[in-house]
mmCIF file of all heavy atoms, coordinates in Angstrom:
data_MODEL
# 
_entry.id   MODEL 
# 
loop_
_atom_site.group_PDB 
_atom_site.id 
_atom_site.type_symbol 
_atom_site.label_atom_id 
_atom_site.label_alt_id 
_atom_site.label_comp_id 
_atom_site.label_asym_id 
_atom_site.label_entity_id 
_atom_site.label_seq_id 
_atom_site.pdbx_PDB_ins_code 
_atom_site.Cartn_x 
_atom_site.Cartn_y 
_atom_site.Cartn_z 
_atom_site.occupancy 
_atom_site.B_iso_or_equiv 
_atom_site.pdbx_formal_charge 
_atom_site.auth_seq_id 
_atom_site.auth_comp_id 
_atom_site.auth_asym_id 
_atom_site.auth_atom_id 
_atom_site.pdbx_PDB_model_num 
ATOM 1   N N   . LEU A 1 1  ? -3.964  -2.724 -31.849 1.00 0.00 ? 1  LEU A N   1 
ATOM 2   C CA  . LEU A 1 1  ? -3.058  -2.836 -30.697 1.00 0.00 ? 1  LEU A CA  1 
ATOM 3   C C   . LEU A 1 1  ? -2.867  -1.498 -30.059 1.00 0.00 ? 1  LEU A C   1 
ATOM 4   O O   . LEU A 1 1  ? -2.789  -1.388 -28.801 1.00 0.00 ? 1  LEU A O   1 
ATOM 5   C CB  . LEU A 1 1  ? -1.714  -3.428 -31.125 1.00 0.00 ? 1  LEU A CB  1 
ATOM 6   C CG  . LEU A 1 1  ? -1.734  -4.902 -31.547 1.00 0.00 ? 1  LEU A CG  1 
ATOM 7   C CD1 . LEU A 1 1  ? -0.377  -5.338 -32.089 1.00 0.00 ? 1  LEU A CD1 1 
ATOM 8   C CD2 . LEU A 1 1  ? -2.138  -5.769 -30.317 1.00 0.00 ? 1  LEU A CD2 1 
ATOM 9   N N   . LEU A 1 2  ? -2.738  -0.488 -30.822 1.00 0.00 ? 2  LEU A N   1 
ATOM 10  C CA  . LEU A 1 2  ? -2.533  0.852  -30.268 1.00 0.00 ? 2  LEU A CA  1 
ATOM 11  C C   . LEU A 1 2  ? -3.732  1.335  -29.485 1.00 0.00 ? 2  LEU A C   1 
ATOM 12  O O   . LEU A 1 2  ? -3.677  2.003  -28.470 1.00 0.00 ? 2  LEU A O   1 
ATOM 13  C CB  . LEU A 1 2  ? -2.251  1.894  -31.334 1.00 0.00 ? 2  LEU A CB  1 
ATOM 14  C CG  . LEU A 1 2  ? -0.831  1.891  -31.896 1.00 0.00 ? 2  LEU A CG  1 
ATOM 15  C CD1 . LEU A 1 2  ? -0.727  2.931  -33.001 1.00 0.00 ? 2  LEU A CD1 1 
ATOM 16  C CD2 . LEU A 1 2  ? 0.171   2.202  -30.821 1.00 0.00 ? 2  LEU A CD2 1 
ATOM 17  N N   . SER A 1 3  ? -4.962  0.909  -29.913 1.00 0.00 ? 3  SER A N   1 
ATOM 18  C CA  . SER A 1 3  ? -6.161  1.302  -29.249 1.00 0.00 ? 3  SER A CA  1 
ATOM 19  C C   . SER A 1 3  ? -6.262  0.568  -27.915 1.00 0.00 ? 3  SER A C   1 
ATOM 20  O O   . SER A 1 3  ? -6.867  1.072  -26.960 1.00 0.00 ? 3  SER A O   1 
ATOM 21  C CB  . SER A 1 3  ? -7.416  0.990  -30.062 1.00 0.00 ? 3  SER A CB  1 
ATOM 22  O OG  . SER A 1 3  ? -7.566  -0.460 -30.246 1.00 0.00 ? 3  SER A OG  1 
ATOM 23  N N   . GLN A 1 4  ? -5.654  -0.624 -27.837 1.00 0.00 ? 4  GLN A N   1 
ATOM 24  C CA  . GLN A 1 4  ? -5.660  -1.367 -26.575 1.00 0.00 ? 4  GLN A CA  1 
ATOM 25  C C   . GLN A 1 4  ? -4.615  -0.797 -25.572 1.00 0.00 ? 4  GLN A C   1 
ATOM 26  O O   . GLN A 1 4  ? -4.706  -0.974 -24.381 1.00 0.00 ? 4  GLN A O   1 
ATOM 27  C CB  . GLN A 1 4  ? -5.314  -2.833 -26.848 1.00 0.00 ? 4  GLN A CB  1 
ATOM 28  C CG  . GLN A 1 4  ? -6.411  -3.567 -27.582 1.00 0.00 ? 4  GLN A CG  1 
ATOM 29  C CD  . GLN A 1 4  ? -5.971  -4.970 -27.936 1.00 0.00 ? 4  GLN A CD  1 
ATOM 30  O OE1 . GLN A 1 4  ? -5.025  -5.533 -27.369 1.00 0.00 ? 4  GLN A OE1 1 
ATOM 31  N NE2 . GLN A 1 4  ? -6.653  -5.606 -28.867 1.00 0.00 ? 4  GLN A NE2 1 
ATOM 32  N N   . GLN A 1 5  ? -3.626  -0.090 -26.134 1.00 0.00 ? 5  GLN A N   1 
ATOM 33  C CA  . GLN A 1 5  ? -2.582  0.478  -25.280 1.00 0.00 ? 5  GLN A CA  1 
ATOM 34  C C   . GLN A 1 5  ? -2.296  1.910  -25.758 1.00 0.00 ? 5  GLN A C   1 
ATOM 35  O O   . GLN A 1 5  ? -1.240  2.194  -26.292 1.00 0.00 ? 5  GLN A O   1 
ATOM 36  C CB  . GLN A 1 5  ? -1.303  -0.361 -25.290 1.00 0.00 ? 5  GLN A CB  1 
ATOM 37  C CG  . GLN A 1 5  ? -0.357  -0.108 -24.204 1.00 0.00 ? 5  GLN A CG  1 
ATOM 38  C CD  . GLN A 1 5  ? 0.888   -0.985 -24.272 1.00 0.00 ? 5  GLN A CD  1 
ATOM 39  O OE1 . GLN A 1 5  ? 1.986   -0.453 -24.184 1.00 0.00 ? 5  GLN A OE1 1 
ATOM 40  N NE2 . GLN A 1 5  ? 0.732   -2.260 -24.372 1.00 0.00 ? 5  GLN A NE2 1 
ATOM 41  N N   . PRO A 1 6  ? -3.257  2.808  -25.585 1.00 0.00 ? 6  PRO A N   1 
ATOM 42  C CA  . PRO A 1 6  ? -3.059  4.191  -26.130 1.00 0.00 ? 6  PRO A CA  1 
ATOM 43  C C   . PRO A 1 6  ? -1.961  4.925  -25.413 1.00 0.00 ? 6  PRO A C   1 
ATOM 44  O O   . PRO A 1 6  ? -1.593  4.587  -24.268 1.00 0.00 ? 6  PRO A O   1 
ATOM 45  C CB  . PRO A 1 6  ? -4.451  4.837  -25.881 1.00 0.00 ? 6  PRO A CB  1 
ATOM 46  C CG  . PRO A 1 6  ? -5.017  4.025  -24.773 1.00 0.00 ? 6  PRO A CG  1 
ATOM 47  C CD  . PRO A 1 6  ? -4.533  2.676  -24.939 1.00 0.00 ? 6  PRO A CD  1 
ATOM 48  N N   . GLN A 1 7  ? -1.386  5.963  -26.063 1.00 0.00 ? 7  GLN A N   1 
ATOM 49  C CA  . GLN A 1 7  ? -0.339  6.734  -25.418 1.00 0.00 ? 7  GLN A CA  1 
ATOM 50  C C   . GLN A 1 7  ? -0.918  7.453  -24.214 1.00 0.00 ? 7  GLN A C   1 
ATOM 51  O O   . GLN A 1 7  ? -1.814  8.303  -24.329 1.00 0.00 ? 7  GLN A O   1 
ATOM 52  C CB  . GLN A 1 7  ? 0.219   7.747  -26.460 1.00 0.00 ? 7  GLN A CB  1 
ATOM 53  C CG  . GLN A 1 7  ? 1.666   8.021  -26.350 1.00 0.00 ? 7  GLN A CG  1 
ATOM 54  C CD  . GLN A 1 7  ? 2.032   8.813  -25.096 1.00 0.00 ? 7  GLN A CD  1 
ATOM 55  O OE1 . GLN A 1 7  ? 1.272   9.433  -24.436 1.00 0.00 ? 7  GLN A OE1 1 
ATOM 56  N NE2 . GLN A 1 7  ? 3.340   8.833  -24.747 1.00 0.00 ? 7  GLN A NE2 1 
ATOM 57  N N   . PRO A 1 8  ? -0.445  7.146  -23.011 1.00 0.00 ? 8  PRO A N   1 
ATOM 58  C CA  . PRO A 1 8  ? -1.097  7.702  -21.773 1.00 0.00 ? 8  PRO A CA  1 
ATOM 59  C C   . PRO A 1 8  ? -1.069  9.201  -21.693 1.00 0.00 ? 8  PRO A C   1 
ATOM 60  O O   . PRO A 1 8  ? -2.075  9.756  -21.213 1.00 0.00 ? 8  PRO A O   1 
ATOM 61  C CB  . PRO A 1 8  ? -0.199  7.061  -20.637 1.00 0.00 ? 8  PRO A CB  1 
ATOM 62  C CG  . PRO A 1 8  ? 0.416   5.871  -21.250 1.00 0.00 ? 8  PRO A CG  1 
ATOM 63  C CD  . PRO A 1 8  ? 0.643   6.223  -22.688 1.00 0.00 ? 8  PRO A CD  1 
ATOM 64  N N   . VAL A 1 9  ? -0.014  9.849  -22.048 1.00 0.00 ? 9  VAL A N   1 
ATOM 65  C CA  . VAL A 1 9  ? 0.021   11.314 -21.925 1.00 0.00 ? 9  VAL A CA  1 
ATOM 66  C C   . VAL A 1 9  ? -1.022  11.982 -22.864 1.00 0.00 ? 9  VAL A C   1 
ATOM 67  O O   . VAL A 1 9  ? -1.745  12.848 -22.423 1.00 0.00 ? 9  VAL A O   1 
ATOM 68  C CB  . VAL A 1 9  ? 1.455   11.845 -22.222 1.00 0.00 ? 9  VAL A CB  1 
ATOM 69  C CG1 . VAL A 1 9  ? 1.504   13.346 -22.112 1.00 0.00 ? 9  VAL A CG1 1 
ATOM 70  C CG2 . VAL A 1 9  ? 2.459   11.280 -21.260 1.00 0.00 ? 9  VAL A CG2 1 
ATOM 71  N N   . THR A 1 10 ? -1.001  11.535 -24.102 1.00 0.00 ? 10 THR A N   1 
ATOM 72  C CA  . THR A 1 10 ? -1.962  12.019 -25.091 1.00 0.00 ? 10 THR A CA  1 
ATOM 73  C C   . THR A 1 10 ? -3.384  11.742 -24.591 1.00 0.00 ? 10 THR A C   1 
ATOM 74  O O   . THR A 1 10 ? -4.290  12.585 -24.674 1.00 0.00 ? 10 THR A O   1 
ATOM 75  C CB  . THR A 1 10 ? -1.758  11.385 -26.449 1.00 0.00 ? 10 THR A CB  1 
ATOM 76  O OG1 . THR A 1 10 ? -0.431  11.594 -26.878 1.00 0.00 ? 10 THR A OG1 1 
ATOM 77  C CG2 . THR A 1 10 ? -2.774  11.910 -27.448 1.00 0.00 ? 10 THR A CG2 1 
ATOM 78  N N   . MET A 1 11 ? -3.649  10.532 -24.064 1.00 0.00 ? 11 MET A N   1 
ATOM 79  C CA  . MET A 1 11 ? -4.982  10.152 -23.626 1.00 0.00 ? 11 MET A CA  1 
ATOM 80  C C   . MET A 1 11 ? -5.398  11.014 -22.426 1.00 0.00 ? 11 MET A C   1 
ATOM 81  O O   . MET A 1 11 ? -6.550  11.408 -22.347 1.00 0.00 ? 11 MET A O   1 
ATOM 82  C CB  . MET A 1 11 ? -4.946  8.664  -23.208 1.00 0.00 ? 11 MET A CB  1 
ATOM 83  C CG  . MET A 1 11 ? -6.304  8.057  -22.951 1.00 0.00 ? 11 MET A CG  1 
ATOM 84  S SD  . MET A 1 11 ? -6.174  6.331  -22.536 1.00 0.00 ? 11 MET A SD  1 
ATOM 85  C CE  . MET A 1 11 ? -7.868  5.931  -22.163 1.00 0.00 ? 11 MET A CE  1 
ATOM 86  N N   . LEU A 1 12 ? -4.459  11.312 -21.550 1.00 0.00 ? 12 LEU A N   1 
ATOM 87  C CA  . LEU A 1 12 ? -4.776  12.134 -20.329 1.00 0.00 ? 12 LEU A CA  1 
ATOM 88  C C   . LEU A 1 12 ? -5.222  13.534 -20.816 1.00 0.00 ? 12 LEU A C   1 
ATOM 89  O O   . LEU A 1 12 ? -6.228  14.097 -20.328 1.00 0.00 ? 12 LEU A O   1 
ATOM 90  C CB  . LEU A 1 12 ? -3.581  12.204 -19.412 1.00 0.00 ? 12 LEU A CB  1 
ATOM 91  C CG  . LEU A 1 12 ? -3.694  13.125 -18.215 1.00 0.00 ? 12 LEU A CG  1 
ATOM 92  C CD1 . LEU A 1 12 ? -4.824  12.610 -17.309 1.00 0.00 ? 12 LEU A CD1 1 
ATOM 93  C CD2 . LEU A 1 12 ? -2.353  13.257 -17.456 1.00 0.00 ? 12 LEU A CD2 1 
ATOM 94  N N   . TYR A 1 13 ? -4.436  14.140 -21.716 1.00 0.00 ? 13 TYR A N   1 
ATOM 95  C CA  . TYR A 1 13 ? -4.770  15.479 -22.244 1.00 0.00 ? 13 TYR A CA  1 
ATOM 96  C C   . TYR A 1 13 ? -6.129  15.497 -22.933 1.00 0.00 ? 13 TYR A C   1 
ATOM 97  O O   . TYR A 1 13 ? -6.970  16.386 -22.743 1.00 0.00 ? 13 TYR A O   1 
ATOM 98  C CB  . TYR A 1 13 ? -3.699  16.014 -23.134 1.00 0.00 ? 13 TYR A CB  1 
ATOM 99  C CG  . TYR A 1 13 ? -2.554  16.681 -22.412 1.00 0.00 ? 13 TYR A CG  1 
ATOM 100 C CD1 . TYR A 1 13 ? -1.403  15.877 -22.103 1.00 0.00 ? 13 TYR A CD1 1 
ATOM 101 C CD2 . TYR A 1 13 ? -2.591  17.995 -22.013 1.00 0.00 ? 13 TYR A CD2 1 
ATOM 102 C CE1 . TYR A 1 13 ? -0.330  16.506 -21.450 1.00 0.00 ? 13 TYR A CE1 1 
ATOM 103 C CE2 . TYR A 1 13 ? -1.538  18.613 -21.343 1.00 0.00 ? 13 TYR A CE2 1 
ATOM 104 C CZ  . TYR A 1 13 ? -0.375  17.770 -21.086 1.00 0.00 ? 13 TYR A CZ  1 
ATOM 105 O OH  . TYR A 1 13 ? 0.665   18.375 -20.367 1.00 0.00 ? 13 TYR A OH  1 
ATOM 106 N N   . GLU A 1 14 ? -6.361  14.472 -23.753 1.00 0.00 ? 14 GLU A N   1 
ATOM 107 C CA  . GLU A 1 14 ? -7.636  14.390 -24.497 1.00 0.00 ? 14 GLU A CA  1 
ATOM 108 C C   . GLU A 1 14 ? -8.826  14.226 -23.551 1.00 0.00 ? 14 GLU A C   1 
ATOM 109 O O   . GLU A 1 14 ? -9.864  14.844 -23.725 1.00 0.00 ? 14 GLU A O   1 
ATOM 110 C CB  . GLU A 1 14 ? -7.590  13.257 -25.523 1.00 0.00 ? 14 GLU A CB  1 
ATOM 111 C CG  . GLU A 1 14 ? -6.685  13.519 -26.711 1.00 0.00 ? 14 GLU A CG  1 
ATOM 112 C CD  . GLU A 1 14 ? -6.612  12.312 -27.624 1.00 0.00 ? 14 GLU A CD  1 
ATOM 113 O OE1 . GLU A 1 14 ? -7.112  11.233 -27.278 1.00 0.00 ? 14 GLU A OE1 1 
ATOM 114 O OE2 . GLU A 1 14 ? -6.009  12.483 -28.740 1.00 0.00 ? 14 GLU A OE2 1 
ATOM 115 N N   . LEU A 1 15 ? -8.662  13.407 -22.512 1.00 0.00 ? 15 LEU A N   1 
ATOM 116 C CA  . LEU A 1 15 ? -9.734  13.146 -21.569 1.00 0.00 ? 15 LEU A CA  1 
ATOM 117 C C   . LEU A 1 15 ? -10.098 14.418 -20.824 1.00 0.00 ? 15 LEU A C   1 
ATOM 118 O O   . LEU A 1 15 ? -11.283 14.738 -20.674 1.00 0.00 ? 15 LEU A O   1 
ATOM 119 C CB  . LEU A 1 15 ? -9.294  12.068 -20.594 1.00 0.00 ? 15 LEU A CB  1 
ATOM 120 C CG  . LEU A 1 15 ? -10.255 11.742 -19.468 1.00 0.00 ? 15 LEU A CG  1 
ATOM 121 C CD1 . LEU A 1 15 ? -11.525 11.112 -20.009 1.00 0.00 ? 15 LEU A CD1 1 
ATOM 122 C CD2 . LEU A 1 15 ? -9.621  10.791 -18.418 1.00 0.00 ? 15 LEU A CD2 1 
ATOM 123 N N   . CYS A 1 16 ? -9.055  15.177 -20.376 1.00 0.00 ? 16 CYS A N   1 
ATOM 124 C CA  . CYS A 1 16 ? -9.321  16.381 -19.600 1.00 0.00 ? 16 CYS A CA  1 
ATOM 125 C C   . CYS A 1 16 ? -9.892  17.487 -20.511 1.00 0.00 ? 16 CYS A C   1 
ATOM 126 O O   . CYS A 1 16 ? -10.735 18.300 -20.082 1.00 0.00 ? 16 CYS A O   1 
ATOM 127 C CB  . CYS A 1 16 ? -8.067  16.780 -18.912 1.00 0.00 ? 16 CYS A CB  1 
ATOM 128 S SG  . CYS A 1 16 ? -7.583  15.706 -17.575 1.00 0.00 ? 16 CYS A SG  1 
ATOM 129 N N   . GLN A 1 17 ? -9.400  17.591 -21.754 1.00 0.00 ? 17 GLN A N   1 
ATOM 130 C CA  . GLN A 1 17 ? -9.897  18.628 -22.669 1.00 0.00 ? 17 GLN A CA  1 
ATOM 131 C C   . GLN A 1 17 ? -11.432 18.405 -22.913 1.00 0.00 ? 17 GLN A C   1 
ATOM 132 O O   . GLN A 1 17 ? -12.168 19.398 -23.051 1.00 0.00 ? 17 GLN A O   1 
ATOM 133 C CB  . GLN A 1 17 ? -9.116  18.566 -23.971 1.00 0.00 ? 17 GLN A CB  1 
ATOM 134 C CG  . GLN A 1 17 ? -7.749  19.159 -23.817 1.00 0.00 ? 17 GLN A CG  1 
ATOM 135 C CD  . GLN A 1 17 ? -6.907  18.995 -25.083 1.00 0.00 ? 17 GLN A CD  1 
ATOM 136 O OE1 . GLN A 1 17 ? -7.338  18.378 -26.078 1.00 0.00 ? 17 GLN A OE1 1 
ATOM 137 N NE2 . GLN A 1 17 ? -5.665  19.574 -25.100 1.00 0.00 ? 17 GLN A NE2 1 
ATOM 138 N N   . LYS A 1 18 ? -11.870 17.161 -23.024 1.00 0.00 ? 18 LYS A N   1 
ATOM 139 C CA  . LYS A 1 18 ? -13.266 16.896 -23.228 1.00 0.00 ? 18 LYS A CA  1 
ATOM 140 C C   . LYS A 1 18 ? -14.113 17.461 -22.125 1.00 0.00 ? 18 LYS A C   1 
ATOM 141 O O   . LYS A 1 18 ? -15.296 17.848 -22.297 1.00 0.00 ? 18 LYS A O   1 
ATOM 142 C CB  . LYS A 1 18 ? -13.523 15.405 -23.373 1.00 0.00 ? 18 LYS A CB  1 
ATOM 143 C CG  . LYS A 1 18 ? -13.046 14.804 -24.690 1.00 0.00 ? 18 LYS A CG  1 
ATOM 144 C CD  . LYS A 1 18 ? -13.324 13.342 -24.732 1.00 0.00 ? 18 LYS A CD  1 
ATOM 145 C CE  . LYS A 1 18 ? -12.790 12.712 -26.053 1.00 0.00 ? 18 LYS A CE  1 
ATOM 146 N NZ  . LYS A 1 18 ? -13.044 11.253 -26.081 1.00 0.00 ? 18 LYS A NZ  1 
ATOM 147 N N   . ASP A 1 19 ? -13.578 17.422 -20.905 1.00 0.00 ? 19 ASP A N   1 
ATOM 148 C CA  . ASP A 1 19 ? -14.296 17.937 -19.718 1.00 0.00 ? 19 ASP A CA  1 
ATOM 149 C C   . ASP A 1 19 ? -13.962 19.408 -19.416 1.00 0.00 ? 19 ASP A C   1 
ATOM 150 O O   . ASP A 1 19 ? -14.374 19.921 -18.398 1.00 0.00 ? 19 ASP A O   1 
ATOM 151 C CB  . ASP A 1 19 ? -13.919 17.115 -18.471 1.00 0.00 ? 19 ASP A CB  1 
ATOM 152 C CG  . ASP A 1 19 ? -14.427 15.658 -18.591 1.00 0.00 ? 19 ASP A CG  1 
ATOM 153 O OD1 . ASP A 1 19 ? -15.438 15.448 -19.331 1.00 0.00 ? 19 ASP A OD1 1 
ATOM 154 O OD2 . ASP A 1 19 ? -13.864 14.741 -17.999 1.00 0.00 ? 19 ASP A OD2 1 
ATOM 155 N N   . GLY A 1 20 ? -13.229 20.075 -20.337 1.00 0.00 ? 20 GLY A N   1 
ATOM 156 C CA  . GLY A 1 20 ? -12.878 21.489 -20.159 1.00 0.00 ? 20 GLY A CA  1 
ATOM 157 C C   . GLY A 1 20 ? -11.854 21.721 -19.042 1.00 0.00 ? 20 GLY A C   1 
ATOM 158 O O   . GLY A 1 20 ? -11.827 22.806 -18.456 1.00 0.00 ? 20 GLY A O   1 
ATOM 159 N N   . LYS A 1 21 ? -11.051 20.682 -18.790 1.00 0.00 ? 21 LYS A N   1 
ATOM 160 C CA  . LYS A 1 21 ? -10.087 20.821 -17.681 1.00 0.00 ? 21 LYS A CA  1 
ATOM 161 C C   . LYS A 1 21 ? -8.637  20.997 -18.256 1.00 0.00 ? 21 LYS A C   1 
ATOM 162 O O   . LYS A 1 21 ? -8.359  20.503 -19.344 1.00 0.00 ? 21 LYS A O   1 
ATOM 163 C CB  . LYS A 1 21 ? -10.113 19.600 -16.784 1.00 0.00 ? 21 LYS A CB  1 
ATOM 164 C CG  . LYS A 1 21 ? -11.457 19.457 -16.035 1.00 0.00 ? 21 LYS A CG  1 
ATOM 165 C CD  . LYS A 1 21 ? -11.514 18.202 -15.182 1.00 0.00 ? 21 LYS A CD  1 
ATOM 166 C CE  . LYS A 1 21 ? -12.867 18.052 -14.500 1.00 0.00 ? 21 LYS A CE  1 
ATOM 167 N NZ  . LYS A 1 21 ? -12.971 16.841 -13.621 1.00 0.00 ? 21 LYS A NZ  1 
ATOM 168 N N   . GLN A 1 22 ? -7.764  21.601 -17.481 1.00 0.00 ? 22 GLN A N   1 
ATOM 169 C CA  . GLN A 1 22 ? -6.407  21.872 -17.935 1.00 0.00 ? 22 GLN A CA  1 
ATOM 170 C C   . GLN A 1 22 ? -5.471  20.937 -17.175 1.00 0.00 ? 22 GLN A C   1 
ATOM 171 O O   . GLN A 1 22 ? -5.535  20.777 -15.953 1.00 0.00 ? 22 GLN A O   1 
ATOM 172 C CB  . GLN A 1 22 ? -6.032  23.324 -17.677 1.00 0.00 ? 22 GLN A CB  1 
ATOM 173 C CG  . GLN A 1 22 ? -4.662  23.671 -18.172 1.00 0.00 ? 22 GLN A CG  1 
ATOM 174 C CD  . GLN A 1 22 ? -4.324  25.104 -18.024 1.00 0.00 ? 22 GLN A CD  1 
ATOM 175 O OE1 . GLN A 1 22 ? -5.170  25.922 -17.636 1.00 0.00 ? 22 GLN A OE1 1 
ATOM 176 N NE2 . GLN A 1 22 ? -3.072  25.488 -18.285 1.00 0.00 ? 22 GLN A NE2 1 
ATOM 177 N N   . VAL A 1 23 ? -4.547  20.328 -17.919 1.00 0.00 ? 23 VAL A N   1 
ATOM 178 C CA  . VAL A 1 23 ? -3.547  19.388 -17.388 1.00 0.00 ? 23 VAL A CA  1 
ATOM 179 C C   . VAL A 1 23 ? -2.195  20.033 -17.336 1.00 0.00 ? 23 VAL A C   1 
ATOM 180 O O   . VAL A 1 23 ? -1.812  20.720 -18.274 1.00 0.00 ? 23 VAL A O   1 
ATOM 181 C CB  . VAL A 1 23 ? -3.431  18.126 -18.216 1.00 0.00 ? 23 VAL A CB  1 
ATOM 182 C CG1 . VAL A 1 23 ? -2.344  17.183 -17.662 1.00 0.00 ? 23 VAL A CG1 1 
ATOM 183 C CG2 . VAL A 1 23 ? -4.772  17.389 -18.284 1.00 0.00 ? 23 VAL A CG2 1 
ATOM 184 N N   . ASP A 1 24 ? -1.514  19.870 -16.198 1.00 0.00 ? 24 ASP A N   1 
ATOM 185 C CA  . ASP A 1 24 ? -0.131  20.384 -16.064 1.00 0.00 ? 24 ASP A CA  1 
ATOM 186 C C   . ASP A 1 24 ? 0.699   19.289 -15.458 1.00 0.00 ? 24 ASP A C   1 
ATOM 187 O O   . ASP A 1 24 ? 0.371   18.732 -14.419 1.00 0.00 ? 24 ASP A O   1 
ATOM 188 C CB  . ASP A 1 24 ? -0.145  21.631 -15.227 1.00 0.00 ? 24 ASP A CB  1 
ATOM 189 C CG  . ASP A 1 24 ? 1.267   22.311 -15.158 1.00 0.00 ? 24 ASP A CG  1 
ATOM 190 O OD1 . ASP A 1 24 ? 2.052   21.977 -16.061 1.00 0.00 ? 24 ASP A OD1 1 
ATOM 191 O OD2 . ASP A 1 24 ? 1.506   23.050 -14.223 1.00 0.00 ? 24 ASP A OD2 1 
ATOM 192 N N   . ILE A 1 25 ? 1.779   18.924 -16.147 1.00 0.00 ? 25 ILE A N   1 
ATOM 193 C CA  . ILE A 1 25 ? 2.682   17.893 -15.595 1.00 0.00 ? 25 ILE A CA  1 
ATOM 194 C C   . ILE A 1 25 ? 4.021   18.561 -15.251 1.00 0.00 ? 25 ILE A C   1 
ATOM 195 O O   . ILE A 1 25 ? 4.702   19.080 -16.111 1.00 0.00 ? 25 ILE A O   1 
ATOM 196 C CB  . ILE A 1 25 ? 2.907   16.733 -16.605 1.00 0.00 ? 25 ILE A CB  1 
ATOM 197 C CG1 . ILE A 1 25 ? 1.600   16.127 -16.981 1.00 0.00 ? 25 ILE A CG1 1 
ATOM 198 C CG2 . ILE A 1 25 ? 3.862   15.661 -16.037 1.00 0.00 ? 25 ILE A CG2 1 
ATOM 199 C CD1 . ILE A 1 25 ? 1.723   14.973 -17.990 1.00 0.00 ? 25 ILE A CD1 1 
ATOM 200 N N   . LYS A 1 26 ? 4.344   18.546 -13.987 1.00 0.00 ? 26 LYS A N   1 
ATOM 201 C CA  . LYS A 1 26 ? 5.568   19.227 -13.472 1.00 0.00 ? 26 LYS A CA  1 
ATOM 202 C C   . LYS A 1 26 ? 6.623   18.189 -13.182 1.00 0.00 ? 26 LYS A C   1 
ATOM 203 O O   . LYS A 1 26 ? 6.351   17.113 -12.709 1.00 0.00 ? 26 LYS A O   1 
ATOM 204 C CB  . LYS A 1 26 ? 5.212   20.075 -12.241 1.00 0.00 ? 26 LYS A CB  1 
ATOM 205 C CG  . LYS A 1 26 ? 4.215   21.203 -12.511 1.00 0.00 ? 26 LYS A CG  1 
ATOM 206 C CD  . LYS A 1 26 ? 3.909   21.978 -11.264 1.00 0.00 ? 26 LYS A CD  1 
ATOM 207 C CE  . LYS A 1 26 ? 2.925   23.084 -11.543 1.00 0.00 ? 26 LYS A CE  1 
ATOM 208 N NZ  . LYS A 1 26 ? 2.594   23.855 -10.314 1.00 0.00 ? 26 LYS A NZ  1 
ATOM 209 N N   . HIS A 1 27 ? 7.893   18.604 -13.428 1.00 0.00 ? 27 HIS A N   1 
ATOM 210 C CA  . HIS A 1 27 ? 9.032   17.681 -13.210 1.00 0.00 ? 27 HIS A CA  1 
ATOM 211 C C   . HIS A 1 27 ? 10.046  18.253 -12.249 1.00 0.00 ? 27 HIS A C   1 
ATOM 212 O O   . HIS A 1 27 ? 10.223  19.465 -12.180 1.00 0.00 ? 27 HIS A O   1 
ATOM 213 C CB  . HIS A 1 27 ? 9.736   17.450 -14.568 1.00 0.00 ? 27 HIS A CB  1 
ATOM 214 C CG  . HIS A 1 27 ? 8.923   16.773 -15.608 1.00 0.00 ? 27 HIS A CG  1 
ATOM 215 N ND1 . HIS A 1 27 ? 8.891   15.467 -15.800 1.00 0.00 ? 27 HIS A ND1 1 
ATOM 216 C CD2 . HIS A 1 27 ? 8.101   17.320 -16.547 1.00 0.00 ? 27 HIS A CD2 1 
ATOM 217 C CE1 . HIS A 1 27 ? 8.072   15.169 -16.805 1.00 0.00 ? 27 HIS A CE1 1 
ATOM 218 N NE2 . HIS A 1 27 ? 7.603   16.287 -17.251 1.00 0.00 ? 27 HIS A NE2 1 
ATOM 219 N N   . TRP A 1 28 ? 10.716  17.360 -11.521 1.00 0.00 ? 28 TRP A N   1 
ATOM 220 C CA  . TRP A 1 28 ? 11.902  17.790 -10.764 1.00 0.00 ? 28 TRP A CA  1 
ATOM 221 C C   . TRP A 1 28 ? 12.766  16.577 -10.495 1.00 0.00 ? 28 TRP A C   1 
ATOM 222 O O   . TRP A 1 28 ? 12.379  15.425 -10.680 1.00 0.00 ? 28 TRP A O   1 
ATOM 223 C CB  . TRP A 1 28 ? 11.497  18.503 -9.438  1.00 0.00 ? 28 TRP A CB  1 
ATOM 224 C CG  . TRP A 1 28 ? 11.011  17.643 -8.386  1.00 0.00 ? 28 TRP A CG  1 
ATOM 225 C CD1 . TRP A 1 28 ? 11.654  16.992 -7.365  1.00 0.00 ? 28 TRP A CD1 1 
ATOM 226 C CD2 . TRP A 1 28 ? 9.617   17.322 -8.123  1.00 0.00 ? 28 TRP A CD2 1 
ATOM 227 N NE1 . TRP A 1 28 ? 10.837  16.300 -6.585  1.00 0.00 ? 28 TRP A NE1 1 
ATOM 228 C CE2 . TRP A 1 28 ? 9.561   16.512 -6.990  1.00 0.00 ? 28 TRP A CE2 1 
ATOM 229 C CE3 . TRP A 1 28 ? 8.404   17.680 -8.779  1.00 0.00 ? 28 TRP A CE3 1 
ATOM 230 C CZ2 . TRP A 1 28 ? 8.361   15.993 -6.480  1.00 0.00 ? 28 TRP A CZ2 1 
ATOM 231 C CZ3 . TRP A 1 28 ? 7.248   17.213 -8.255  1.00 0.00 ? 28 TRP A CZ3 1 
ATOM 232 C CH2 . TRP A 1 28 ? 7.190   16.385 -7.145  1.00 0.00 ? 28 TRP A CH2 1 
# 
């Protein structure tokens, strides 16, 4: 079930790290 609905923030960081890209999430 977790694999069908992975944690989006973790998945985003892992996806970008594989491509050598840096993720930044800014809040206001």
